Amino acid sequence: MQQYIFGFLKKTGATDMEMNFEQYAKEAEKTWGHTPAYREYEAKKLTPEQQKSAGTALMELFKEFAAVKDGAPDAPQVQAAVKRLQEHISAHFYCCTDRELSGLGKMYGAGGEFTENIDAYAGAGTAAFAAKAIEAYCKEN
């Protein structure tokens, strides 16, 4: 389920993101359809417009990390951004516990589609910095 959040984002350019919900919705259901998090997300019954809005707002949160990525991942303003990210995921997708957030952070910084999408949207190095910030946040909580 965790990859669903970014799985529906399709990179179309350096800073331009396009939502591709149908393709990734099928993939997400196949991979995470059996999980409580997926069932919780499905129960929300977001319209395509709501999905797009939530996805765009999620990506905008990464611009907060980009703005402070030269600082310390455990700085108070960075940790506040992590908290806002976690709250957004919980409000719009599924209950994002610290355990799930930690897993997301690892995926953000591991390379591949997550890293590419975040960095394309918010700037190179943002995904790795967000991963470090999330790691620091989850250690403290």
Protein backbone atom coordinates (compact mmCIF):
# COMPACT_ATOMS: atom_id res chain seq x y z
CA MET A 1 0.00 0.00 0.00
CA GLN A 2 2.83 2.38 0.77
CA GLN A 3 3.95 2.54 -2.85
CA TYR A 4 0.40 3.46 -3.87
CA ILE A 5 0.88 7.00 -2.62
CA PHE A 6 3.54 7.69 -5.20
CA GLY A 7 2.73 4.87 -7.59
CA PHE A 8 -0.03 6.90 -9.15
CA LEU A 9 2.37 9.69 -10.00
CA LYS A 10 3.88 9.48 -13.45
CA LYS A 11 6.88 11.62 -14.24
CA THR A 12 6.31 13.68 -17.40
CA GLY A 13 9.10 16.22 -17.04
CA ALA A 14 11.58 17.79 -14.65
CA THR A 15 8.91 19.59 -12.63
CA ASP A 16 5.65 18.51 -14.23
CA MET A 17 3.79 15.57 -12.70
CA GLU A 18 0.74 13.89 -14.17
CA MET A 19 -1.61 11.67 -12.23
CA ASN A 20 -2.11 8.23 -13.72
CA PHE A 21 -4.62 6.77 -11.28
CA GLU A 22 -6.16 3.91 -13.24
CA GLN A 23 -2.89 2.18 -14.08
CA TYR A 24 -1.54 2.33 -10.56
CA ALA A 25 -4.85 1.72 -8.82
CA LYS A 26 -4.91 -1.75 -10.39
CA GLU A 27 -1.32 -2.37 -9.36
CA ALA A 28 -1.97 -1.14 -5.82
CA GLU A 29 -5.03 -3.37 -5.43
CA LYS A 30 -3.09 -6.39 -6.68
CA THR A 31 -0.17 -5.73 -4.33
CA TRP A 32 -1.85 -4.32 -1.22
CA GLY A 33 -5.54 -5.16 -1.62
CA HIS A 34 -5.35 -7.60 1.27
CA THR A 35 -3.96 -5.06 3.76
CA PRO A 36 -5.90 -3.01 6.30
CA ALA A 37 -4.27 0.18 4.99
CA TYR A 38 -5.55 -0.48 1.47
CA ARG A 39 -9.04 -1.26 2.74
CA GLU A 40 -8.99 1.96 4.76
CA TYR A 41 -7.98 3.95 1.69
CA GLU A 42 -10.68 2.30 -0.42
CA ALA A 43 -13.30 3.05 2.23
CA LYS A 44 -12.56 6.76 1.85
CA LYS A 45 -13.97 6.56 -1.70
CA LEU A 46 -12.11 9.61 -2.97
CA THR A 47 -13.19 10.92 -6.34
CA PRO A 48 -10.53 11.23 -9.05
CA GLU A 49 -10.48 14.97 -8.37
CA GLN A 50 -9.95 14.39 -4.65
CA GLN A 51 -7.21 11.87 -5.40
CA LYS A 52 -5.47 14.34 -7.67
CA SER A 53 -5.79 17.12 -5.11
CA ALA A 54 -4.46 14.93 -2.29
CA GLY A 55 -1.60 13.68 -4.44
CA THR A 56 -0.62 17.17 -5.53
CA ALA A 57 -0.78 18.44 -1.95
CA LEU A 58 1.40 15.52 -0.88
CA MET A 59 4.02 16.41 -3.46
CA GLU A 60 3.88 20.06 -2.41
CA LEU A 61 4.88 18.98 1.09
CA PHE A 62 8.18 17.80 -0.35
CA LYS A 63 8.95 21.34 -1.42
CA GLU A 64 9.14 22.13 2.30
CA PHE A 65 11.93 19.56 2.62
CA ALA A 66 13.65 20.98 -0.45
CA ALA A 67 13.69 24.44 1.09
CA VAL A 68 15.62 23.22 4.14
CA LYS A 69 17.63 20.29 2.78
CA ASP A 70 20.94 22.04 3.48
CA GLY A 71 20.10 21.96 7.18
CA ALA A 72 19.94 19.19 9.74
CA PRO A 73 17.30 16.47 9.27
CA ASP A 74 16.47 16.63 12.97
CA ALA A 75 15.98 20.42 13.06
CA PRO A 76 12.63 21.45 14.59
CA GLN A 77 11.26 22.97 11.36
CA VAL A 78 12.21 19.83 9.43
CA GLN A 79 10.61 17.59 12.02
CA ALA A 80 7.46 19.71 11.83
CA ALA A 81 7.42 19.09 8.06
CA VAL A 82 7.64 15.34 8.70
CA LYS A 83 4.70 15.59 11.08
CA ARG A 84 2.67 17.47 8.43
CA LEU A 85 3.54 14.78 5.88
CA GLN A 86 2.41 12.01 8.23
CA GLU A 87 -0.81 13.87 9.05
CA HIS A 88 -1.55 14.44 5.35
CA ILE A 89 -1.09 10.75 4.54
CA SER A 90 -3.33 9.80 7.46
CA ALA A 91 -6.02 12.29 6.47
CA HIS A 92 -6.13 11.46 2.77
CA PHE A 93 -4.86 7.92 2.29
CA TYR A 94 -4.62 5.69 5.39
CA CYS A 95 -3.54 5.86 9.02
CA CYS A 96 0.19 6.46 8.70
CA THR A 97 1.77 5.12 11.86
CA ASP A 98 5.40 5.80 12.69
CA ARG A 99 6.18 2.26 11.49
CA GLU A 100 4.55 2.89 8.11
CA LEU A 101 6.13 6.34 7.88
CA SER A 102 9.53 4.80 8.53
CA GLY A 103 8.95 2.35 5.69
CA LEU A 104 7.91 5.17 3.39
CA GLY A 105 11.02 7.12 4.31
CA LYS A 106 13.22 4.19 3.37
CA MET A 107 11.48 3.93 0.02
CA TYR A 108 11.78 7.66 -0.61
CA GLY A 109 15.56 7.50 -0.28
CA ALA A 110 16.18 4.11 -1.87
CA GLY A 111 16.24 5.22 -5.49
CA GLY A 112 13.77 4.16 -8.12
CA GLU A 113 10.37 5.67 -8.80
CA PHE A 114 9.84 7.23 -5.39
CA THR A 115 13.15 9.07 -5.44
CA GLU A 116 12.78 10.08 -9.08
CA ASN A 117 9.28 11.48 -8.61
CA ILE A 118 10.09 13.42 -5.46
CA ASP A 119 13.32 14.83 -6.86
CA ALA A 120 11.70 15.70 -10.19
CA TYR A 121 8.97 17.61 -8.39
CA ALA A 122 10.85 19.23 -5.52
CA GLY A 123 14.51 19.20 -6.59
CA ALA A 124 17.47 16.86 -6.63
CA GLY A 125 18.36 15.45 -3.24
CA THR A 126 14.96 16.14 -1.70
CA ALA A 127 13.95 12.48 -1.43
CA ALA A 128 17.17 11.50 0.33
CA PHE A 129 16.85 14.42 2.74
CA ALA A 130 13.20 13.60 3.46
CA ALA A 131 14.24 10.00 4.16
CA LYS A 132 16.83 11.17 6.71
CA ALA A 133 14.31 13.53 8.31
CA ILE A 134 11.72 10.77 8.59
CA GLU A 135 14.31 8.44 10.11
CA ALA A 136 15.14 11.07 12.74
CA TYR A 137 11.43 11.67 13.43
CA CYS A 138 10.66 7.99 13.90
CA LYS A 139 13.62 7.50 16.25
CA GLU A 140 12.28 10.27 18.49
CA ASN A 141 8.69 9.01 18.59
